[in-house]
Amino acid sequence: MEDVKVTSIVGQESDPVNKPSHYRHGGIECLDVIKAALDDEGFKAFCLGNSIKYIYRHKYKGKPLEDLKKAQFYLNKTISEMEASESVADTVLNKTENN
């Protein structure tokens, strides 16, 4: 079964797991605002906490598959943030070693 995508009033595609329209106002994603407000570790903790939340509640809110997909979204976001941090650290380390 394919993910449901709907077009919102402003013509932007909405996906209840990856890009819910109720988290985007004025062209700004809520997740981007949260990331800007937190440091890297805080944002990773936020994402990991959301993943745990969605796993914990998936049996009780009426849409277990959607909640597990949301958990997966936040776990993947945590992983990509960790990979980005490692990549930056490796770049800095390599520059330091080469100087």
C-alpha atoms as a PDB file:
ATOM      1  CA  MET A   1       0.000   0.000   0.000  1.00  0.00           C
ATOM      2  CA  GLU A   2       1.395   3.417  -0.939  1.00  0.00           C
ATOM      3  CA  ASP A   3       1.712   6.318   1.488  1.00  0.00           C
ATOM      4  CA  VAL A   4      -1.166   8.764   1.266  1.00  0.00           C
ATOM      5  CA  LYS A   5      -0.212  12.178  -0.066  1.00  0.00           C
ATOM      6  CA  VAL A   6      -2.608  15.089  -0.250  1.00  0.00           C
ATOM      7  CA  THR A   7      -2.262  18.570  -1.627  1.00  0.00           C
ATOM      8  CA  SER A   8      -2.891  21.314   0.896  1.00  0.00           C
ATOM      9  CA  ILE A   9      -4.631  24.607   0.209  1.00  0.00           C
ATOM     10  CA  VAL A  10      -1.345  26.299  -0.671  1.00  0.00           C
ATOM     11  CA  GLY A  11      -0.565  23.583  -3.223  1.00  0.00           C
ATOM     12  CA  GLN A  12       2.236  21.919  -1.276  1.00  0.00           C
ATOM     13  CA  GLU A  13       2.295  18.145  -1.060  1.00  0.00           C
ATOM     14  CA  SER A  14       1.524  16.722   2.367  1.00  0.00           C
ATOM     15  CA  ASP A  15       2.443  13.314   3.740  1.00  0.00           C
ATOM     16  CA  PRO A  16       1.101  12.395   7.199  1.00  0.00           C
ATOM     17  CA  VAL A  17       4.420  10.758   8.131  1.00  0.00           C
ATOM     18  CA  ASN A  18       7.206  12.715   6.424  1.00  0.00           C
ATOM     19  CA  LYS A  19       5.672  16.160   5.779  1.00  0.00           C
ATOM     20  CA  PRO A  20       2.393  16.709   7.631  1.00  0.00           C
ATOM     21  CA  SER A  21       0.824  19.958   6.477  1.00  0.00           C
ATOM     22  CA  HIS A  22      -0.110  20.946  10.039  1.00  0.00           C
ATOM     23  CA  TYR A  23       3.623  21.289  10.835  1.00  0.00           C
ATOM     24  CA  ARG A  24       4.314  23.751   8.010  1.00  0.00           C
ATOM     25  CA  HIS A  25       3.207  27.372   8.119  1.00  0.00           C
ATOM     26  CA  GLY A  26       4.451  30.238   5.987  1.00  0.00           C
ATOM     27  CA  GLY A  27       6.756  27.868   4.119  1.00  0.00           C
ATOM     28  CA  ILE A  28       8.650  26.996   7.317  1.00  0.00           C
ATOM     29  CA  GLU A  29       8.838  23.444   8.635  1.00  0.00           C
ATOM     30  CA  CYS A  30       8.350  23.086  12.382  1.00  0.00           C
ATOM     31  CA  LEU A  31      11.244  20.598  12.464  1.00  0.00           C
ATOM     32  CA  ASP A  32      13.560  23.252  10.970  1.00  0.00           C
ATOM     33  CA  VAL A  33      12.528  25.726  13.689  1.00  0.00           C
ATOM     34  CA  ILE A  34      13.203  23.137  16.397  1.00  0.00           C
ATOM     35  CA  LYS A  35      16.602  22.284  14.879  1.00  0.00           C
ATOM     36  CA  ALA A  36      17.533  25.981  14.777  1.00  0.00           C
ATOM     37  CA  ALA A  37      16.523  26.410  18.429  1.00  0.00           C
ATOM     38  CA  LEU A  38      18.557  23.460  19.732  1.00  0.00           C
ATOM     39  CA  ASP A  39      22.214  22.535  19.523  1.00  0.00           C
ATOM     40  CA  ASP A  40      23.192  19.378  17.612  1.00  0.00           C
ATOM     41  CA  GLU A  41      22.969  17.079  20.634  1.00  0.00           C
ATOM     42  CA  GLY A  42      19.639  18.556  21.689  1.00  0.00           C
ATOM     43  CA  PHE A  43      18.161  18.031  18.227  1.00  0.00           C
ATOM     44  CA  LYS A  44      19.368  14.419  18.096  1.00  0.00           C
ATOM     45  CA  ALA A  45      17.853  13.829  21.549  1.00  0.00           C
ATOM     46  CA  PHE A  46      14.582  15.408  20.390  1.00  0.00           C
ATOM     47  CA  CYS A  47      14.440  13.107  17.350  1.00  0.00           C
ATOM     48  CA  LEU A  48      15.333  10.005  19.342  1.00  0.00           C
ATOM     49  CA  GLY A  49      12.725  10.897  21.971  1.00  0.00           C
ATOM     50  CA  ASN A  50      10.066  11.263  19.291  1.00  0.00           C
ATOM     51  CA  SER A  51      11.020   7.879  17.875  1.00  0.00           C
ATOM     52  CA  ILE A  52      10.575   6.314  21.315  1.00  0.00           C
ATOM     53  CA  LYS A  53       7.246   8.136  21.778  1.00  0.00           C
ATOM     54  CA  TYR A  54       5.802   6.818  18.521  1.00  0.00           C
ATOM     55  CA  ILE A  55       6.942   3.248  19.223  1.00  0.00           C
ATOM     56  CA  TYR A  56       5.484   3.444  22.724  1.00  0.00           C
ATOM     57  CA  ARG A  57       2.060   4.675  21.609  1.00  0.00           C
ATOM     58  CA  HIS A  58       1.653   2.827  18.302  1.00  0.00           C
ATOM     59  CA  LYS A  59      -0.869   0.317  19.679  1.00  0.00           C
ATOM     60  CA  TYR A  60      -3.090   2.905  21.332  1.00  0.00           C
ATOM     61  CA  LYS A  61      -3.820   5.785  18.931  1.00  0.00           C
ATOM     62  CA  GLY A  62      -5.651   3.919  16.160  1.00  0.00           C
ATOM     63  CA  LYS A  63      -2.986   4.122  13.445  1.00  0.00           C
ATOM     64  CA  PRO A  64      -0.242   1.710  14.529  1.00  0.00           C
ATOM     65  CA  LEU A  65       1.475   1.466  11.137  1.00  0.00           C
ATOM     66  CA  GLU A  66       1.535   5.253  10.718  1.00  0.00           C
ATOM     67  CA  ASP A  67       2.998   5.679  14.208  1.00  0.00           C
ATOM     68  CA  LEU A  68       5.707   3.099  13.484  1.00  0.00           C
ATOM     69  CA  LYS A  69       6.528   4.926  10.243  1.00  0.00           C
ATOM     70  CA  LYS A  70       6.782   8.167  12.225  1.00  0.00           C
ATOM     71  CA  ALA A  71       9.119   6.406  14.672  1.00  0.00           C
ATOM     72  CA  GLN A  72      11.186   5.245  11.716  1.00  0.00           C
ATOM     73  CA  PHE A  73      11.240   8.795  10.298  1.00  0.00           C
ATOM     74  CA  TYR A  74      12.645  10.183  13.554  1.00  0.00           C
ATOM     75  CA  LEU A  75      15.109   7.312  13.969  1.00  0.00           C
ATOM     76  CA  ASN A  76      16.345   7.892  10.411  1.00  0.00           C
ATOM     77  CA  LYS A  77      16.615  11.626  11.170  1.00  0.00           C
ATOM     78  CA  THR A  78      18.681  10.815  14.284  1.00  0.00           C
ATOM     79  CA  ILE A  79      20.966   8.571  12.245  1.00  0.00           C
ATOM     80  CA  SER A  80      21.447  11.135   9.465  1.00  0.00           C
ATOM     81  CA  GLU A  81      22.244  13.837  12.045  1.00  0.00           C
ATOM     82  CA  MET A  82      24.799  11.530  13.686  1.00  0.00           C
ATOM     83  CA  GLU A  83      26.349  10.727  10.308  1.00  0.00           C
ATOM     84  CA  ALA A  84      26.545  14.434   9.471  1.00  0.00           C
ATOM     85  CA  SER A  85      28.238  15.142  12.819  1.00  0.00           C
ATOM     86  CA  GLU A  86      30.754  12.350  12.209  1.00  0.00           C
ATOM     87  CA  SER A  87      31.435  13.653   8.718  1.00  0.00           C
ATOM     88  CA  VAL A  88      32.132  17.146  10.052  1.00  0.00           C
ATOM     89  CA  ALA A  89      34.339  15.734  12.814  1.00  0.00           C
ATOM     90  CA  ASP A  90      36.282  13.625  10.272  1.00  0.00           C
ATOM     91  CA  THR A  91      36.789  16.683   8.031  1.00  0.00           C
ATOM     92  CA  VAL A  92      38.061  18.770  10.933  1.00  0.00           C
ATOM     93  CA  LEU A  93      40.331  15.947  12.107  1.00  0.00           C
ATOM     94  CA  ASN A  94      41.769  15.453   8.601  1.00  0.00           C
ATOM     95  CA  LYS A  95      42.453  19.189   8.218  1.00  0.00           C
ATOM     96  CA  THR A  96      44.162  19.258  11.610  1.00  0.00           C
ATOM     97  CA  GLU A  97      46.341  16.244  10.752  1.00  0.00           C
ATOM     98  CA  ASN A  98      47.329  17.714   7.370  1.00  0.00           C
ATOM     99  CA  ASN A  99      48.501  21.032   8.859  1.00  0.00           C
END
